């Protein structure tokens, strides 16, 4: 059964066990995930930067926790007051939505997974700002014991789409599947990335944190060397990050196939580890981490011509 947003859980499904915000729990016995639901009125996240679907407040195995609250300040409309893994669609590196450059002041542009939003007087797009949502579109959600699916339908700024994201728990893996169906008459030229927001066993980022890639990593912009260095296939932390410190860089060295989208993040002290794989080649990698979260962020292309569908997936394997 498919049911529309506000709120969109059918009566024959068990109620969500988290009454604070619209949410659902899925489990396969080995993995259990708490997932916040997209809701324009009461949702945990109502900003305009990230896709509203599939945001995970908690994912646990028998021994470890992999996600959670990593920030101090919470506001549902704050651009990054969200728990991972979460995704963002960009029309170019600056991060605007579709139709931003063409829109006049007071006109609208489109953010995939968010809605049709209003363009303010400022000329340049500010990805860390929250814009007025003119139309949040229509969300549908359906779920089973170990899976959940979101469908977002939206039309505006000369574009139209149906976007489907499905999360499945299979043994020790979570698979995130995407389908972007361009139902309009204009091509969608896009990149998309996952911000991750890994919070592993609630431990601070530092020398016990391991980040490994399947290729020899080079840096376009290196992290501060007193915080982290890139050596061989790894990002190595020099010390525990203090509150307010950020180890940030842009990484290179990946090839032109999806084989290099294979990232491992783990902890030597607790034994927690997640392997993240994608089925598309990497366009760029932004690496950002603070004391409370580690975020390797691979970008991919998801250009979708008018009338066509683009499919891609990410696979998370947890210890």
Protein backbone atom coordinates (compact mmCIF):
# COMPACT_ATOMS: atom_id res chain seq x y z
CA UNK A 1 0.00 0.00 0.00
CA UNK A 2 1.24 3.50 -0.86
CA UNK A 3 0.11 6.46 1.16
CA UNK A 4 0.70 10.23 0.84
CA UNK A 5 2.62 12.53 3.15
CA UNK A 6 1.39 14.46 6.20
CA UNK A 7 1.74 11.90 7.73
CA UNK A 8 1.86 8.97 5.39
CA UNK A 9 1.75 5.73 7.37
CA UNK A 10 -1.16 3.45 6.52
CA UNK A 11 -3.44 2.20 9.28
CA UNK A 12 -2.59 -1.45 8.67
CA UNK A 13 1.13 -0.85 9.38
CA UNK A 14 2.49 -0.89 12.95
CA UNK A 15 2.95 2.59 14.42
CA UNK A 16 6.39 4.21 14.39
CA UNK A 17 8.07 3.62 17.78
CA UNK A 18 9.58 7.13 17.94
CA UNK A 19 6.88 9.70 18.82
CA UNK A 20 9.18 12.77 18.83
CA UNK A 21 9.17 13.21 15.02
CA UNK A 22 7.54 11.21 12.22
CA UNK A 23 9.77 8.14 11.93
CA UNK A 24 9.84 4.43 11.27
CA UNK A 25 11.97 1.49 12.30
CA UNK A 26 13.11 -1.32 10.04
CA UNK A 27 15.11 -4.40 11.08
CA UNK A 28 16.31 -7.73 9.70
CA UNK A 29 17.51 -9.07 13.05
CA UNK A 30 21.14 -8.15 12.36
CA UNK A 31 20.67 -4.46 11.55
CA UNK A 32 18.10 -2.08 13.03
CA UNK A 33 17.56 1.43 11.66
CA UNK A 34 15.53 4.40 12.86
CA UNK A 35 14.53 6.50 9.87
CA UNK A 36 13.03 9.99 9.96
CA UNK A 37 10.19 10.50 7.50
CA UNK A 38 9.79 13.47 5.15
CA UNK A 39 7.07 15.75 6.46
CA UNK A 40 6.66 19.40 5.46
CA UNK A 41 4.96 20.31 8.73
CA UNK A 42 6.47 18.11 11.45
CA UNK A 43 9.55 16.48 9.93
CA UNK A 44 12.85 16.28 11.78
CA UNK A 45 14.55 18.01 8.83
CA UNK A 46 12.87 20.78 6.84
CA UNK A 47 15.90 22.56 5.38
CA UNK A 48 16.52 23.07 1.66
CA UNK A 49 20.03 21.65 1.28
CA UNK A 50 19.59 17.89 1.65
CA UNK A 51 17.14 15.37 0.22
CA UNK A 52 14.50 14.78 2.92
CA UNK A 53 14.22 11.02 2.37
CA UNK A 54 16.25 8.24 3.93
CA UNK A 55 17.80 10.20 6.81
CA UNK A 56 18.92 7.74 9.48
CA UNK A 57 18.97 8.75 13.13
CA UNK A 58 20.37 5.40 14.27
CA UNK A 59 21.66 2.18 12.76
CA UNK A 60 22.84 -0.54 15.07
CA UNK A 61 24.37 -3.99 14.78
CA UNK A 62 24.71 -6.38 17.70
CA UNK A 63 27.76 -4.45 18.97
CA UNK A 64 27.93 -1.05 17.29
CA UNK A 65 26.11 2.21 16.49
CA UNK A 66 26.91 3.97 13.22
CA UNK A 67 24.81 7.14 13.08
CA UNK A 68 23.34 9.72 15.42
CA UNK A 69 23.26 13.38 16.40
CA UNK A 70 26.64 15.00 15.67
CA UNK A 71 25.78 18.72 15.99
CA UNK A 72 25.16 21.02 18.98
CA UNK A 73 22.47 23.30 17.62
CA UNK A 74 19.20 21.88 16.35
CA UNK A 75 16.64 23.68 14.23
CA UNK A 76 14.52 21.74 11.71
CA UNK A 77 15.27 24.38 9.07
CA UNK A 78 19.02 24.60 9.68
CA UNK A 79 20.86 23.43 6.56
CA UNK A 80 22.80 20.62 8.26
CA UNK A 81 20.71 19.75 11.31
CA UNK A 82 20.25 16.28 9.90
CA UNK A 83 21.49 12.78 10.67
CA UNK A 84 23.15 10.63 8.07
CA UNK A 85 23.66 9.20 5.65
CA UNK A 86 22.05 12.08 3.73
CA UNK A 87 22.29 13.18 0.13
CA UNK A 88 22.34 16.41 -1.87
CA UNK A 89 21.70 17.13 -5.55
CA UNK A 90 23.57 20.00 -7.20
CA UNK A 91 23.27 21.63 -10.60
CA UNK A 92 26.97 22.57 -10.44
CA UNK A 93 29.79 22.79 -7.89
CA UNK A 94 28.23 25.85 -6.23
CA UNK A 95 25.23 23.74 -5.28
CA UNK A 96 22.20 25.55 -6.74
CA UNK A 97 19.03 23.78 -7.65
CA UNK A 98 17.66 23.36 -11.14
CA UNK A 99 16.54 26.65 -12.68
CA UNK A 100 18.31 28.91 -10.18
CA UNK A 101 20.31 30.88 -12.74
CA UNK A 102 17.29 31.39 -14.99
CA UNK A 103 14.95 32.47 -12.20
CA UNK A 104 14.35 36.15 -11.52
CA UNK A 105 14.28 37.53 -7.97
CA UNK A 106 11.05 36.27 -6.44
CA UNK A 107 10.91 33.45 -8.96
CA UNK A 108 11.41 29.78 -8.16
CA UNK A 109 13.94 27.00 -8.63
CA UNK A 110 13.86 23.31 -7.78
CA UNK A 111 15.70 21.27 -5.15
CA UNK A 112 15.41 17.53 -5.74
CA UNK A 113 14.08 15.71 -2.69
CA UNK A 114 13.02 19.03 -1.12
CA UNK A 115 10.61 21.07 -3.24
CA UNK A 116 10.12 24.19 -5.30
CA UNK A 117 11.81 27.09 -3.51
CA UNK A 118 11.82 30.86 -3.88
CA UNK A 119 14.82 32.81 -5.18
CA UNK A 120 15.70 35.75 -2.91
CA UNK A 121 17.31 39.05 -3.85
CA UNK A 122 20.88 37.78 -3.43
CA UNK A 123 22.37 36.88 -6.81
CA UNK A 124 24.52 33.89 -5.86
CA UNK A 125 23.29 30.63 -4.39
CA UNK A 126 24.18 30.02 -0.74
CA UNK A 127 24.05 26.30 -0.03
CA UNK A 128 24.19 26.83 3.74
CA UNK A 129 21.13 29.10 3.67
CA UNK A 130 17.55 27.88 3.97
CA UNK A 131 15.14 29.13 1.33
CA UNK A 132 11.40 29.56 1.42
CA UNK A 133 9.64 26.42 0.16
CA UNK A 134 6.79 27.32 -2.18
CA UNK A 135 5.73 23.74 -2.90
CA UNK A 136 7.11 20.68 -1.03
CA UNK A 137 5.68 18.36 -3.65
CA UNK A 138 4.01 15.06 -2.85
CA UNK A 139 5.66 12.29 -0.82
CA UNK A 140 4.56 8.67 -0.72
CA UNK A 141 6.05 6.11 1.66
CA UNK A 142 5.64 2.37 1.94
CA UNK A 143 7.57 -0.10 4.05
CA UNK A 144 7.97 -3.63 5.21
CA UNK A 145 9.82 -5.22 8.10
CA UNK A 146 13.31 -4.72 6.64
CA UNK A 147 12.83 -2.08 3.93
CA UNK A 148 11.33 1.35 3.31
CA UNK A 149 10.66 3.26 0.10
CA UNK A 150 10.05 6.97 -0.57
CA UNK A 151 8.59 8.50 -3.73
CA UNK A 152 8.74 12.26 -4.29
CA UNK A 153 6.76 13.81 -7.14
CA UNK A 154 7.42 17.45 -8.00
CA UNK A 155 6.87 19.94 -10.79
CA UNK A 156 8.18 23.52 -10.97
CA UNK A 157 10.65 25.96 -12.52
CA UNK A 158 10.16 24.25 -15.87
CA UNK A 159 11.15 20.81 -14.52
CA UNK A 160 9.26 17.73 -13.37
CA UNK A 161 10.31 14.41 -11.85
CA UNK A 162 9.41 11.32 -9.88
CA UNK A 163 12.22 10.38 -7.51
CA UNK A 164 12.28 7.04 -5.67
CA UNK A 165 14.67 6.06 -2.88
CA UNK A 166 14.53 2.60 -1.30
CA UNK A 167 16.50 1.40 1.74
CA UNK A 168 16.87 -2.37 2.21
CA UNK A 169 18.55 -4.32 5.01
CA UNK A 170 20.13 -7.52 3.68
CA UNK A 171 22.23 -9.57 6.10
CA UNK A 172 24.96 -7.13 7.31
CA UNK A 173 24.28 -4.63 4.53
CA UNK A 174 22.09 -1.61 3.90
CA UNK A 175 21.43 -0.95 0.23
CA UNK A 176 20.19 2.48 -0.88
CA UNK A 177 18.62 2.35 -4.35
CA UNK A 178 17.66 5.43 -6.36
CA UNK A 179 15.56 6.05 -9.47
CA UNK A 180 15.25 9.57 -10.89
CA UNK A 181 12.56 9.70 -13.58
CA UNK A 182 12.65 12.98 -15.49
CA UNK A 183 8.98 13.45 -16.38
CA UNK A 184 9.47 16.97 -17.75
CA UNK A 185 10.71 18.35 -21.07
CA UNK A 186 14.05 19.74 -19.88
CA UNK A 187 17.20 17.70 -19.28
CA UNK A 188 18.52 17.54 -15.71
CA UNK A 189 22.29 18.06 -15.47
CA UNK A 190 23.24 17.05 -11.95
CA UNK A 191 25.79 15.78 -9.49
CA UNK A 192 24.79 13.97 -6.32
CA UNK A 193 26.73 12.98 -3.22
CA UNK A 194 26.25 11.36 0.16
CA UNK A 195 27.49 13.35 3.16
CA UNK A 196 27.65 10.20 5.35
CA UNK A 197 27.69 11.91 8.81
CA UNK A 198 29.12 8.77 10.41
CA UNK A 199 28.95 8.74 14.23
CA UNK A 200 30.60 5.48 15.21
CA UNK A 201 29.95 4.25 18.75
CA UNK A 202 29.83 7.88 19.90
CA UNK A 203 33.65 8.05 19.94
CA UNK A 204 35.66 11.19 19.04
CA UNK A 205 37.50 11.45 15.72
CA UNK A 206 41.22 10.87 16.14
CA UNK A 207 44.06 8.33 15.80
CA UNK A 208 41.67 5.45 16.54
CA UNK A 209 39.70 6.40 13.40
CA UNK A 210 40.67 4.66 10.15
CA UNK A 211 39.69 5.92 6.67
CA UNK A 212 40.86 3.82 3.72
CA UNK A 213 40.38 4.07 -0.06
CA UNK A 214 41.16 1.45 -2.76
CA UNK A 215 43.61 3.79 -4.57
CA UNK A 216 46.66 5.89 -3.74
CA UNK A 217 45.13 9.11 -2.47
CA UNK A 218 46.34 12.49 -3.69
CA UNK A 219 45.22 15.85 -2.37
CA UNK A 220 43.91 18.79 -4.33
CA UNK A 221 43.45 20.54 -1.00
CA UNK A 222 45.15 18.85 1.95
CA UNK A 223 43.78 18.82 5.51
CA UNK A 224 45.69 20.77 8.13
CA UNK A 225 48.76 18.55 8.70
CA UNK A 226 48.64 18.96 12.46
CA UNK A 227 45.19 17.31 12.36
CA UNK A 228 45.35 14.70 9.59
CA UNK A 229 47.66 13.64 6.78
CA UNK A 230 47.10 11.64 3.63
CA UNK A 231 49.51 8.74 3.22
CA UNK A 232 49.19 5.91 0.71
CA UNK A 233 45.56 4.83 0.62
CA UNK A 234 44.64 6.34 4.00
CA UNK A 235 43.67 9.50 5.83
CA UNK A 236 45.56 9.33 9.14
CA UNK A 237 44.64 11.51 12.10
CA UNK A 238 47.56 12.96 14.03
CA UNK A 239 45.61 13.53 17.21
CA UNK A 240 42.09 13.62 18.58
CA UNK A 241 40.16 16.54 17.13
CA UNK A 242 39.07 19.17 19.64
CA UNK A 243 35.67 20.81 19.55
CA UNK A 244 35.64 23.46 16.82
CA UNK A 245 38.45 21.85 14.79
CA UNK A 246 37.83 20.57 11.27
CA UNK A 247 40.00 18.26 9.15
CA UNK A 248 38.91 19.22 5.63
CA UNK A 249 40.28 18.50 2.18
CA UNK A 250 39.54 17.51 -1.40
CA UNK A 251 40.94 14.17 -2.52
CA UNK A 252 42.03 12.76 -5.87
CA UNK A 253 43.68 9.65 -7.27
CA UNK A 254 40.52 7.74 -8.17
CA UNK A 255 40.02 6.31 -11.64
CA UNK A 256 37.19 6.38 -14.15
CA UNK A 257 35.32 3.27 -12.99
CA UNK A 258 33.00 2.52 -10.10
CA UNK A 259 35.61 0.16 -8.62
CA UNK A 260 37.20 3.12 -6.82
CA UNK A 261 33.94 3.96 -5.04
CA UNK A 262 34.88 1.65 -2.18
CA UNK A 263 35.58 3.42 1.12
CA UNK A 264 36.16 1.93 4.56
CA UNK A 265 35.75 3.87 7.79
CA UNK A 266 36.45 2.11 11.06
CA UNK A 267 37.63 2.35 14.64
CA UNK A 268 40.55 0.39 16.04
CA UNK A 269 39.35 0.77 19.63
CA UNK A 270 35.80 -0.59 19.27
CA UNK A 271 36.10 -2.68 16.09
CA UNK A 272 33.28 -0.84 14.32
CA UNK A 273 33.72 -0.61 10.55
CA UNK A 274 31.57 0.31 7.58
CA UNK A 275 32.41 -0.27 3.93
CA UNK A 276 30.66 2.09 1.49
CA UNK A 277 30.46 1.19 -2.20
CA UNK A 278 28.77 2.90 -5.13
CA UNK A 279 27.97 1.66 -8.61
CA UNK A 280 29.02 4.83 -10.48
CA UNK A 281 32.42 6.44 -11.09
CA UNK A 282 33.50 9.18 -8.68
CA UNK A 283 33.53 12.78 -9.95
CA UNK A 284 35.24 14.31 -6.92
CA UNK A 285 35.74 13.61 -3.21
CA UNK A 286 35.29 16.15 -0.45
CA UNK A 287 36.58 14.98 2.93
CA UNK A 288 35.27 16.69 6.07
CA UNK A 289 35.45 15.66 9.68
CA UNK A 290 35.06 17.21 13.11
CA UNK A 291 35.29 15.73 16.59
CA UNK A 292 31.85 14.12 16.37
CA UNK A 293 31.60 12.87 12.77
CA UNK A 294 33.62 11.58 9.81
CA UNK A 295 32.41 12.36 6.29
CA UNK A 296 34.08 11.08 3.12
CA UNK A 297 31.82 12.57 0.43
CA UNK A 298 32.13 11.07 -3.09
CA UNK A 299 30.26 12.93 -5.85
CA UNK A 300 28.76 11.17 -8.87
CA UNK A 301 26.97 12.33 -12.02
CA UNK A 302 23.25 11.60 -12.34
CA UNK A 303 22.44 13.55 -15.51
CA UNK A 304 18.94 12.58 -16.63
CA UNK A 305 17.56 13.49 -20.02
CA UNK A 306 13.91 14.46 -20.50
CA UNK A 307 11.66 11.42 -20.34
CA UNK A 308 14.46 9.10 -19.15
CA UNK A 309 15.32 7.36 -15.88
CA UNK A 310 18.64 7.24 -14.07
CA UNK A 311 19.35 4.50 -11.54
CA UNK A 312 22.18 4.22 -9.03
CA UNK A 313 22.82 2.64 -5.65
CA UNK A 314 25.06 2.68 -2.58
CA UNK A 315 25.88 -0.36 -0.47
CA UNK A 316 26.90 -0.12 3.21
CA UNK A 317 28.41 -3.20 4.86
CA UNK A 318 28.57 -3.01 8.66
CA UNK A 319 30.57 -5.02 11.21
